[in-house]
């Protein structure tokens, strides 16, 4: 038991072995939530308390959600950037079309289309 500077009991953080973490991670890959009996079995098999397993899973889900949110934000940013590049490319093509001289032998469809676009 560890005491703080005032002589009160201080909780120490548990250190899990590599084997325990490996088993917890493997279980987390299969299911993000454990029911009571599953948690009890896992805790017993790893020599941990149910409370330790419960808190580990809570913390691991938080980490998983944050990572997932960051990946989604990154993917959205990449998608938005690619969409903007395509839009700029399309705008440049439209500008090129707009700046080309009209063919005197063409019909009025091109003129009508350009006028509608720039109203």
Protein backbone atom coordinates (compact mmCIF):
# COMPACT_ATOMS: atom_id res chain seq x y z
CA UNK A 1 0.00 0.00 0.00
CA UNK A 2 1.25 3.48 -0.86
CA UNK A 3 0.54 6.58 1.24
CA UNK A 4 0.42 10.14 -0.08
CA UNK A 5 2.08 13.10 1.67
CA UNK A 6 -0.89 13.45 4.06
CA UNK A 7 -0.71 9.80 5.08
CA UNK A 8 -3.86 8.82 3.16
CA UNK A 9 -4.08 5.65 1.07
CA UNK A 10 -3.05 6.27 -2.49
CA UNK A 11 -4.21 4.05 -5.32
CA UNK A 12 -1.47 2.79 -7.57
CA UNK A 13 -2.01 2.19 -11.24
CA UNK A 14 -1.97 -1.50 -12.17
CA UNK A 15 0.66 -2.68 -14.62
CA UNK A 16 -0.52 -5.36 -17.01
CA UNK A 17 1.78 -7.94 -18.52
CA UNK A 18 2.27 -8.24 -22.25
CA UNK A 19 0.32 -11.51 -22.19
CA UNK A 20 -2.63 -9.85 -20.45
CA UNK A 21 -2.65 -6.92 -22.88
CA UNK A 22 -2.40 -9.29 -25.84
CA UNK A 23 -5.41 -11.30 -24.60
CA UNK A 24 -7.38 -8.12 -23.88
CA UNK A 25 -6.63 -6.72 -27.36
CA UNK A 26 -7.57 -10.01 -29.04
CA UNK A 27 -10.86 -10.07 -27.15
CA UNK A 28 -11.47 -6.40 -28.02
CA UNK A 29 -10.99 -7.16 -31.73
CA UNK A 30 -13.80 -9.72 -31.47
CA UNK A 31 -16.19 -7.68 -29.33
CA UNK A 32 -16.11 -4.11 -28.10
CA UNK A 33 -18.37 -4.83 -25.10
CA UNK A 34 -18.23 -7.67 -22.57
CA UNK A 35 -21.25 -8.93 -20.63
CA UNK A 36 -20.82 -9.78 -16.95
CA UNK A 37 -20.12 -13.51 -17.29
CA UNK A 38 -17.67 -12.95 -20.18
CA UNK A 39 -15.88 -10.26 -18.20
CA UNK A 40 -15.68 -12.54 -15.15
CA UNK A 41 -14.25 -15.41 -17.21
CA UNK A 42 -11.68 -13.19 -18.91
CA UNK A 43 -10.67 -11.56 -15.62
CA UNK A 44 -10.24 -14.95 -13.95
CA UNK A 45 -8.23 -16.39 -16.86
CA UNK A 46 -5.89 -13.36 -16.86
CA UNK A 47 -5.54 -13.07 -13.08
CA UNK A 48 -7.20 -9.65 -13.04
CA UNK A 49 -10.23 -8.26 -11.26
CA UNK A 50 -13.48 -7.75 -13.13
CA UNK A 51 -13.17 -4.05 -12.38
CA UNK A 52 -9.76 -3.91 -14.06
CA UNK A 53 -11.12 -5.63 -17.17
CA UNK A 54 -14.17 -3.36 -17.21
CA UNK A 55 -12.07 -0.18 -16.95
CA UNK A 56 -9.57 -1.46 -19.53
CA UNK A 57 -12.41 -2.03 -22.01
CA UNK A 58 -13.88 1.42 -21.28
CA UNK A 59 -10.52 3.06 -21.88
CA UNK A 60 -9.87 0.98 -25.00
CA UNK A 61 -13.27 1.91 -26.49
CA UNK A 62 -12.48 5.60 -25.91
CA UNK A 63 -9.13 5.21 -27.66
CA UNK A 64 -10.82 3.30 -30.52
CA UNK A 65 -13.49 6.01 -30.97
CA UNK A 66 -10.91 8.80 -31.02
CA UNK A 67 -8.80 6.98 -33.59
CA UNK A 68 -11.87 6.22 -35.70
CA UNK A 69 -12.98 9.88 -35.53
CA UNK A 70 -9.49 11.05 -36.54
CA UNK A 71 -9.44 8.62 -39.48
CA UNK A 72 -12.86 9.81 -40.60
CA UNK A 73 -11.80 13.47 -40.37
CA UNK A 74 -8.64 12.71 -42.35
CA UNK A 75 -10.61 10.86 -45.02
CA UNK A 76 -13.12 13.71 -45.25
CA UNK A 77 -10.32 16.27 -45.57
CA UNK A 78 -8.71 14.20 -48.33
CA UNK A 79 -12.05 13.78 -50.10
CA UNK A 80 -12.80 17.52 -49.86
CA UNK A 81 -9.34 18.33 -51.22
CA UNK A 82 -9.79 15.96 -54.18
CA UNK A 83 -13.26 17.37 -54.84
CA UNK A 84 -11.85 20.91 -54.83
CA UNK A 85 -9.08 19.90 -57.27
CA UNK A 86 -11.66 18.33 -59.60
CA UNK A 87 -13.83 21.43 -59.35
CA UNK A 88 -10.88 23.72 -60.13
CA UNK A 89 -9.92 21.49 -63.05
CA UNK A 90 -13.50 21.55 -64.31
CA UNK A 91 -13.67 25.34 -63.89
CA UNK A 92 -10.46 25.72 -65.89
CA UNK A 93 -11.86 23.54 -68.68
CA UNK A 94 -15.04 25.62 -68.70
CA UNK A 95 -12.97 28.82 -68.83
CA UNK A 96 -11.00 27.38 -71.74
CA UNK A 97 -14.24 26.58 -73.52
CA UNK A 98 -15.55 30.06 -72.82
CA UNK A 99 -12.39 31.72 -74.14
CA UNK A 100 -12.21 29.76 -77.38
CA UNK A 101 -13.37 31.65 -80.44
CA UNK A 102 -16.74 30.57 -81.75
CA UNK A 103 -16.82 28.60 -84.93
CA UNK A 104 -18.78 30.63 -87.48
CA UNK A 105 -20.15 27.38 -88.90
CA UNK A 106 -21.44 26.07 -85.54
CA UNK A 107 -25.04 26.26 -84.43
CA UNK A 108 -26.26 28.54 -81.66
CA UNK A 109 -26.29 25.76 -79.06
CA UNK A 110 -22.83 26.63 -77.74
CA UNK A 111 -23.73 30.32 -77.45
CA UNK A 112 -26.98 29.49 -75.65
CA UNK A 113 -25.18 27.16 -73.25
CA UNK A 114 -22.51 29.76 -72.43
CA UNK A 115 -25.12 32.45 -71.85
CA UNK A 116 -27.13 30.22 -69.51
CA UNK A 117 -24.00 29.36 -67.55
CA UNK A 118 -23.07 33.00 -66.98
CA UNK A 119 -26.44 34.52 -66.08
